[in-house]
PDB file of N, CA and C in Angstrom:
ATOM      1  N   MET A   1     107.598  60.878 284.634  1.00  0.00           N
ATOM      2  CA  MET A   1     107.891  58.579 285.657  1.00  0.00           C
ATOM      3  C   MET A   1     106.554  59.562 286.520  1.00  0.00           C
ATOM      4  N   ASN A   2     106.203  58.711 287.089  1.00  0.00           N
ATOM      5  CA  ASN A   2     105.901  58.668 288.699  1.00  0.00           C
ATOM      6  C   ASN A   2     105.567  56.704 289.571  1.00  0.00           C
ATOM      7  N   ASN A   3     106.156  57.094 290.125  1.00  0.00           N
ATOM      8  CA  ASN A   3     106.372  55.981 291.092  1.00  0.00           C
ATOM      9  C   ASN A   3     107.157  55.103 290.250  1.00  0.00           C
ATOM     10  N   GLY A   4     107.892  55.394 289.394  1.00  0.00           N
ATOM     11  CA  GLY A   4     109.104  54.099 288.366  1.00  0.00           C
ATOM     12  C   GLY A   4     107.867  53.978 286.999  1.00  0.00           C
ATOM     13  N   GLY A   5     107.477  54.354 287.498  1.00  0.00           N
ATOM     14  CA  GLY A   5     105.998  54.613 285.654  1.00  0.00           C
ATOM     15  C   GLY A   5     105.927  55.208 284.868  1.00  0.00           C
ATOM     16  N   TRP A   6     105.343  55.257 283.840  1.00  0.00           N
ATOM     17  CA  TRP A   6     105.664  56.722 283.511  1.00  0.00           C
ATOM     18  C   TRP A   6     103.628  57.264 282.701  1.00  0.00           C
ATOM     19  N   ARG A   7     103.630  58.017 282.871  1.00  0.00           N
ATOM     20  CA  ARG A   7     102.303  58.854 282.576  1.00  0.00           C
ATOM     21  C   ARG A   7     102.165  59.677 281.313  1.00  0.00           C
ATOM     22  N   VAL A   8     101.299  60.551 280.910  1.00  0.00           N
ATOM     23  CA  VAL A   8     101.161  61.267 280.164  1.00  0.00           C
ATOM     24  C   VAL A   8     100.027  62.071 281.056  1.00  0.00           C
ATOM     25  N   THR A   9     100.535  63.401 280.640  1.00  0.00           N
ATOM     26  CA  THR A   9      99.537  64.357 281.104  1.00  0.00           C
ATOM     27  C   THR A   9      99.204  65.467 280.271  1.00  0.00           C
ATOM     28  N   VAL A  10      97.940  65.913 279.803  1.00  0.00           N
ATOM     29  CA  VAL A  10      97.667  67.310 279.131  1.00  0.00           C
ATOM     30  C   VAL A  10      96.787  68.028 279.534  1.00  0.00           C
ATOM     31  N   PRO A  11      97.482  69.252 279.895  1.00  0.00           N
ATOM     32  CA  PRO A  11      96.939  70.620 280.065  1.00  0.00           C
ATOM     33  C   PRO A  11      95.339  70.479 279.517  1.00  0.00           C
ATOM     34  N   VAL A  12      94.167  70.658 281.121  1.00  0.00           N
ATOM     35  CA  VAL A  12      92.924  71.405 280.082  1.00  0.00           C
ATOM     36  C   VAL A  12      92.797  72.996 279.704  1.00  0.00           C
ATOM     37  N   PRO A  13      92.035  73.184 278.265  1.00  0.00           N
ATOM     38  CA  PRO A  13      92.334  75.242 278.372  1.00  0.00           C
ATOM     39  C   PRO A  13      92.045  75.489 279.966  1.00  0.00           C
ATOM     40  N   ARG A  14      91.942  77.061 279.960  1.00  0.00           N
ATOM     41  CA  ARG A  14      91.192  77.274 280.543  1.00  0.00           C
ATOM     42  C   ARG A  14      89.805  77.174 280.617  1.00  0.00           C
ATOM     43  N   GLU A  15      89.478  78.076 279.179  1.00  0.00           N
ATOM     44  CA  GLU A  15      87.771  77.970 279.378  1.00  0.00           C
ATOM     45  C   GLU A  15      86.921  76.641 279.149  1.00  0.00           C
ATOM     46  N   LEU A  16      87.395  75.912 279.625  1.00  0.00           N
ATOM     47  CA  LEU A  16      87.288  74.483 279.740  1.00  0.00           C
ATOM     48  C   LEU A  16      87.188  73.864 280.815  1.00  0.00           C
ATOM     49  N   VAL A  17      87.673  73.977 281.733  1.00  0.00           N
ATOM     50  CA  VAL A  17      87.717  73.549 283.285  1.00  0.00           C
ATOM     51  C   VAL A  17      86.913  73.779 283.780  1.00  0.00           C
ATOM     52  N   LYS A  18      85.998  74.863 284.098  1.00  0.00           N
ATOM     53  CA  LYS A  18      84.189  74.471 284.503  1.00  0.00           C
ATOM     54  C   LYS A  18      83.860  73.561 283.826  1.00  0.00           C
ATOM     55  N   THR A  19      84.028  73.433 282.361  1.00  0.00           N
ATOM     56  CA  THR A  19      82.733  71.591 281.723  1.00  0.00           C
ATOM     57  C   THR A  19      83.314  70.928 282.115  1.00  0.00           C
ATOM     58  N   ILE A  20      85.003  70.388 282.146  1.00  0.00           N
ATOM     59  CA  ILE A  20      85.326  69.048 282.653  1.00  0.00           C
ATOM     60  C   ILE A  20      85.986  68.918 283.446  1.00  0.00           C
ATOM     61  N   GLY A  21      86.049  70.076 284.713  1.00  0.00           N
ATOM     62  CA  GLY A  21      86.110  70.031 285.769  1.00  0.00           C
ATOM     63  C   GLY A  21      87.139  69.365 286.507  1.00  0.00           C
ATOM     64  N   LYS A  22      88.221  69.595 285.652  1.00  0.00           N
ATOM     65  CA  LYS A  22      89.825  69.421 286.410  1.00  0.00           C
ATOM     66  C   LYS A  22      90.207  70.758 285.259  1.00  0.00           C
ATOM     67  N   THR A  23      91.528  70.118 285.626  1.00  0.00           N
ATOM     68  CA  THR A  23      92.467  71.377 285.533  1.00  0.00           C
ATOM     69  C   THR A  23      93.596  70.599 284.375  1.00  0.00           C
ATOM     70  N   ARG A  24      93.742  68.979 284.321  1.00  0.00           N
ATOM     71  CA  ARG A  24      94.822  68.394 284.220  1.00  0.00           C
ATOM     72  C   ARG A  24      94.523  67.195 283.500  1.00  0.00           C
ATOM     73  N   LEU A  25      94.548  66.481 281.937  1.00  0.00           N
ATOM     74  CA  LEU A  25      93.985  65.201 282.246  1.00  0.00           C
ATOM     75  C   LEU A  25      94.616  63.673 282.948  1.00  0.00           C
ATOM     76  N   LYS A  26      95.315  63.130 283.306  1.00  0.00           N
ATOM     77  CA  LYS A  26      95.835  62.482 283.423  1.00  0.00           C
ATOM     78  C   LYS A  26      96.787  60.665 283.746  1.00  0.00           C
ATOM     79  N   ARG A  27      96.270  60.299 282.690  1.00  0.00           N
ATOM     80  CA  ARG A  27      97.002  58.163 282.363  1.00  0.00           C
ATOM     81  C   ARG A  27      98.114  57.872 282.736  1.00  0.00           C
ATOM     82  N   SER A  28      98.370  56.643 283.377  1.00  0.00           N
ATOM     83  CA  SER A  28      99.745  56.022 283.340  1.00  0.00           C
ATOM     84  C   SER A  28      99.174  55.049 282.294  1.00  0.00           C
ATOM     85  N   LEU A  29     100.563  55.138 281.654  1.00  0.00           N
ATOM     86  CA  LEU A  29     101.340  54.629 280.836  1.00  0.00           C
ATOM     87  C   LEU A  29     101.195  53.268 280.442  1.00  0.00           C
ATOM     88  N   ASP A  30     101.050  52.949 282.235  1.00  0.00           N
ATOM     89  CA  ASP A  30     101.516  51.396 283.091  1.00  0.00           C
ATOM     90  C   ASP A  30     102.439  50.223 282.237  1.00  0.00           C
ATOM     91  N   THR A  31     103.511  51.136 282.646  1.00  0.00           N
ATOM     92  CA  THR A  31     105.137  50.697 282.302  1.00  0.00           C
ATOM     93  C   THR A  31     105.967  51.301 282.572  1.00  0.00           C
ATOM     94  N   HIS A  32     107.922  50.668 283.059  1.00  0.00           N
ATOM     95  CA  HIS A  32     108.030  51.599 283.290  1.00  0.00           C
ATOM     96  C   HIS A  32     109.621  52.022 282.712  1.00  0.00           C
ATOM     97  N   SER A  33     108.957  51.014 281.388  1.00  0.00           N
ATOM     98  CA  SER A  33     109.755  51.317 279.656  1.00  0.00           C
ATOM     99  C   SER A  33     109.866  53.172 279.481  1.00  0.00           C
ATOM    100  N   GLN A  34     110.906  53.520 279.204  1.00  0.00           N
ATOM    101  CA  GLN A  34     110.815  54.542 278.851  1.00  0.00           C
ATOM    102  C   GLN A  34     110.629  54.983 276.823  1.00  0.00           C
ATOM    103  N   ALA A  35     111.045  53.835 276.480  1.00  0.00           N
ATOM    104  CA  ALA A  35     110.596  53.519 274.633  1.00  0.00           C
ATOM    105  C   ALA A  35     109.098  53.129 274.279  1.00  0.00           C
ATOM    106  N   GLU A  36     108.877  51.899 275.234  1.00  0.00           N
ATOM    107  CA  GLU A  36     107.303  51.341 275.705  1.00  0.00           C
ATOM    108  C   GLU A  36     105.873  52.814 275.575  1.00  0.00           C
ATOM    109  N   ALA A  37     107.017  53.458 276.379  1.00  0.00           N
ATOM    110  CA  ALA A  37     105.672  55.392 276.628  1.00  0.00           C
ATOM    111  C   ALA A  37     106.067  55.634 275.508  1.00  0.00           C
ATOM    112  N   GLU A  38     106.954  55.813 274.987  1.00  0.00           N
ATOM    113  CA  GLU A  38     106.917  56.662 273.951  1.00  0.00           C
ATOM    114  C   GLU A  38     105.970  56.139 273.023  1.00  0.00           C
ATOM    115  N   ARG A  39     106.105  54.918 273.138  1.00  0.00           N
ATOM    116  CA  ARG A  39     105.022  54.173 271.860  1.00  0.00           C
ATOM    117  C   ARG A  39     103.624  53.976 271.907  1.00  0.00           C
ATOM    118  N   ARG A  40     103.710  54.635 273.240  1.00  0.00           N
ATOM    119  CA  ARG A  40     101.888  54.613 274.207  1.00  0.00           C
ATOM    120  C   ARG A  40     101.172  55.509 274.216  1.00  0.00           C
ATOM    121  N   LYS A  41     102.017  56.344 274.296  1.00  0.00           N
ATOM    122  CA  LYS A  41     101.830  57.923 274.591  1.00  0.00           C
ATOM    123  C   LYS A  41     100.465  59.331 273.498  1.00  0.00           C
ATOM    124  N   HIS A  42     101.134  58.526 272.474  1.00  0.00           N
ATOM    125  CA  HIS A  42     100.582  58.911 271.299  1.00  0.00           C
ATOM    126  C   HIS A  42      98.931  58.502 270.923  1.00  0.00           C
ATOM    127  N   ALA A  43      98.142  57.850 271.320  1.00  0.00           N
ATOM    128  CA  ALA A  43      97.085  57.048 271.130  1.00  0.00           C
ATOM    129  C   ALA A  43      96.282  57.783 272.889  1.00  0.00           C
ATOM    130  N   VAL A  44      97.490  57.774 273.913  1.00  0.00           N
ATOM    131  CA  VAL A  44      96.065  58.418 275.395  1.00  0.00           C
ATOM    132  C   VAL A  44      95.932  60.210 274.693  1.00  0.00           C
ATOM    133  N   VAL A  45      96.537  61.348 275.021  1.00  0.00           N
ATOM    134  CA  VAL A  45      97.259  61.921 274.170  1.00  0.00           C
ATOM    135  C   VAL A  45      95.712  61.970 273.239  1.00  0.00           C
ATOM    136  N   ALA A  46      95.854  61.553 271.822  1.00  0.00           N
ATOM    137  CA  ALA A  46      94.891  61.427 271.168  1.00  0.00           C
ATOM    138  C   ALA A  46      93.574  61.747 271.451  1.00  0.00           C
ATOM    139  N   GLU A  47      93.236  60.697 272.331  1.00  0.00           N
ATOM    140  CA  GLU A  47      91.936  60.143 273.287  1.00  0.00           C
ATOM    141  C   GLU A  47      91.418  62.154 274.402  1.00  0.00           C
ATOM    142  N   PHE A  48      92.823  62.656 274.689  1.00  0.00           N
ATOM    143  CA  PHE A  48      92.673  63.640 275.799  1.00  0.00           C
ATOM    144  C   PHE A  48      91.974  64.820 274.587  1.00  0.00           C
ATOM    145  N   LEU A  49      92.535  65.250 273.313  1.00  0.00           N
ATOM    146  CA  LEU A  49      92.693  65.761 273.208  1.00  0.00           C
ATOM    147  C   LEU A  49      91.037  65.842 272.040  1.00  0.00           C
ATOM    148  N   SER A  50      90.588  64.892 271.785  1.00  0.00           N
ATOM    149  CA  SER A  50      89.051  64.174 271.434  1.00  0.00           C
ATOM    150  C   SER A  50      87.982  64.722 272.711  1.00  0.00           C
ATOM    151  N   MET A  51      88.774  64.417 273.760  1.00  0.00           N
ATOM    152  CA  MET A  51      87.628  64.621 275.049  1.00  0.00           C
ATOM    153  C   MET A  51      87.674  66.188 275.351  1.00  0.00           C
ATOM    154  N   ILE A  52      88.463  67.051 275.071  1.00  0.00           N
ATOM    155  CA  ILE A  52      88.825  68.794 275.131  1.00  0.00           C
ATOM    156  C   ILE A  52      87.828  69.767 273.739  1.00  0.00           C
ATOM    157  N   GLU A  53      88.240  68.683 272.667  1.00  0.00           N
ATOM    158  CA  GLU A  53      87.209  69.540 271.644  1.00  0.00           C
ATOM    159  C   GLU A  53      85.611  67.799 271.402  1.00  0.00           C
ATOM    160  N   ALA A  54      85.567  67.950 271.948  1.00  0.00           N
ATOM    161  CA  ALA A  54      84.164  68.051 272.029  1.00  0.00           C
ATOM    162  C   ALA A  54      83.451  68.236 273.461  1.00  0.00           C
ATOM    163  N   ALA A  55      84.479  68.444 274.813  1.00  0.00           N
ATOM    164  CA  ALA A  55      84.030  69.514 275.560  1.00  0.00           C
ATOM    165  C   ALA A  55      83.964  71.017 275.030  1.00  0.00           C
ATOM    166  N   ARG A  56      84.694  71.609 274.111  1.00  0.00           N
ATOM    167  CA  ARG A  56      84.825  72.877 273.456  1.00  0.00           C
ATOM    168  C   ARG A  56      83.849  72.814 272.271  1.00  0.00           C
ATOM    169  N   GLN A  57      82.946  71.344 271.808  1.00  0.00           N
ATOM    170  CA  GLN A  57      81.089  71.980 270.975  1.00  0.00           C
ATOM    171  C   GLN A  57      80.423  71.599 271.900  1.00  0.00           C
ATOM    172  N   GLY A  58      80.531  71.294 273.254  1.00  0.00           N
ATOM    173  CA  GLY A  58      79.342  70.996 274.071  1.00  0.00           C
ATOM    174  C   GLY A  58      78.868  70.404 273.820  1.00  0.00           C
ATOM    175  N   ARG A  59      79.751  68.543 273.845  1.00  0.00           N
ATOM    176  CA  ARG A  59      78.971  67.677 273.765  1.00  0.00           C
ATOM    177  C   ARG A  59      80.005  66.507 274.170  1.00  0.00           C
ATOM    178  N   LEU A  60      80.332  67.181 275.251  1.00  0.00           N
ATOM    179  CA  LEU A  60      81.041  65.554 276.447  1.00  0.00           C
ATOM    180  C   LEU A  60      80.168  65.472 277.372  1.00  0.00           C
ATOM    181  N   PRO A  61      80.115  63.821 277.401  1.00  0.00           N
ATOM    182  CA  PRO A  61      79.230  63.720 278.415  1.00  0.00           C
ATOM    183  C   PRO A  61      80.739  63.666 279.611  1.00  0.00           C
ATOM    184  N   LYS A  62      79.478  63.338 280.148  1.00  0.00           N
ATOM    185  CA  LYS A  62      79.761  64.016 282.386  1.00  0.00           C
ATOM    186  C   LYS A  62      80.980  61.682 283.016  1.00  0.00           C
ATOM    187  N   ALA A  63      80.574  61.713 282.234  1.00  0.00           N
ATOM    188  CA  ALA A  63      80.774  59.334 282.260  1.00  0.00           C
ATOM    189  C   ALA A  63      82.066  59.722 281.048  1.00  0.00           C
ATOM    190  N   ALA A  64      82.092  60.792 280.544  1.00  0.00           N
ATOM    191  CA  ALA A  64      83.933  60.797 279.387  1.00  0.00           C
ATOM    192  C   ALA A  64      85.100  60.604 280.397  1.00  0.00           C
ATOM    193  N   VAL A  65      84.559  61.416 281.953  1.00  0.00           N
ATOM    194  CA  VAL A  65      86.054  61.785 282.661  1.00  0.00           C
ATOM    195  C   VAL A  65      86.237  61.314 284.129  1.00  0.00           C
ATOM    196  N   THR A  66      84.834  60.109 284.283  1.00  0.00           N
ATOM    197  CA  THR A  66      84.712  59.318 285.309  1.00  0.00           C
ATOM    198  C   THR A  66      85.614  57.810 285.161  1.00  0.00           C
ATOM    199  N   GLY A  67      86.205  57.861 286.491  1.00  0.00           N
ATOM    200  CA  GLY A  67      87.871  56.783 286.835  1.00  0.00           C
ATOM    201  C   GLY A  67      89.315  57.792 286.102  1.00  0.00           C
ATOM    202  N   MET A  68      89.165  58.215 285.001  1.00  0.00           N
ATOM    203  CA  MET A  68      90.286  58.356 285.303  1.00  0.00           C
ATOM    204  C   MET A  68      91.343  59.141 286.057  1.00  0.00           C
ATOM    205  N   LEU A  69      92.800  59.221 285.880  1.00  0.00           N
ATOM    206  CA  LEU A  69      93.672  60.115 286.938  1.00  0.00           C
ATOM    207  C   LEU A  69      93.181  61.104 286.400  1.00  0.00           C
ATOM    208  N   ILE A  70      92.891  61.720 287.619  1.00  0.00           N
ATOM    209  CA  ILE A  70      92.652  63.180 287.155  1.00  0.00           C
ATOM    210  C   ILE A  70      93.408  63.910 288.199  1.00  0.00           C
ATOM    211  N   SER A  71      93.583  65.476 287.424  1.00  0.00           N
ATOM    212  CA  SER A  71      94.337  66.275 288.356  1.00  0.00           C
ATOM    213  C   SER A  71      94.003  67.407 288.520  1.00  0.00           C
ATOM    214  N   THR A  72      93.400  68.167 289.927  1.00  0.00           N
ATOM    215  CA  THR A  72      93.520  70.291 289.734  1.00  0.00           C
ATOM    216  C   THR A  72      94.210  70.114 289.980  1.00  0.00           C
ATOM    217  N   GLU A  73      95.720  70.060 290.112  1.00  0.00           N
ATOM    218  CA  GLU A  73      96.837  70.743 290.328  1.00  0.00           C
ATOM    219  C   GLU A  73      96.403  72.280 289.651  1.00  0.00           C
ATOM    220  N   SER A  74      97.187  73.038 289.025  1.00  0.00           N
ATOM    221  CA  SER A  74      97.561  74.282 288.640  1.00  0.00           C
ATOM    222  C   SER A  74      98.148  74.830 287.576  1.00  0.00           C
TER     223      SER A  74
END
């Protein structure tokens, strides 16, 4: 939870950090309800994992991570 709202974070595998340009993918779930966050997180995690797989296969467009709340924390 961040600032009273829930968010999801997925770490980027070390070998893909350079490709993706970030160590963690994060997105707000736009809710303060834990129950609603539990329902929403699965779609976001699936999207992030899809993005990581695309990077692994060399087909991640640079624009894919533009505009996302992304952390460079290790």
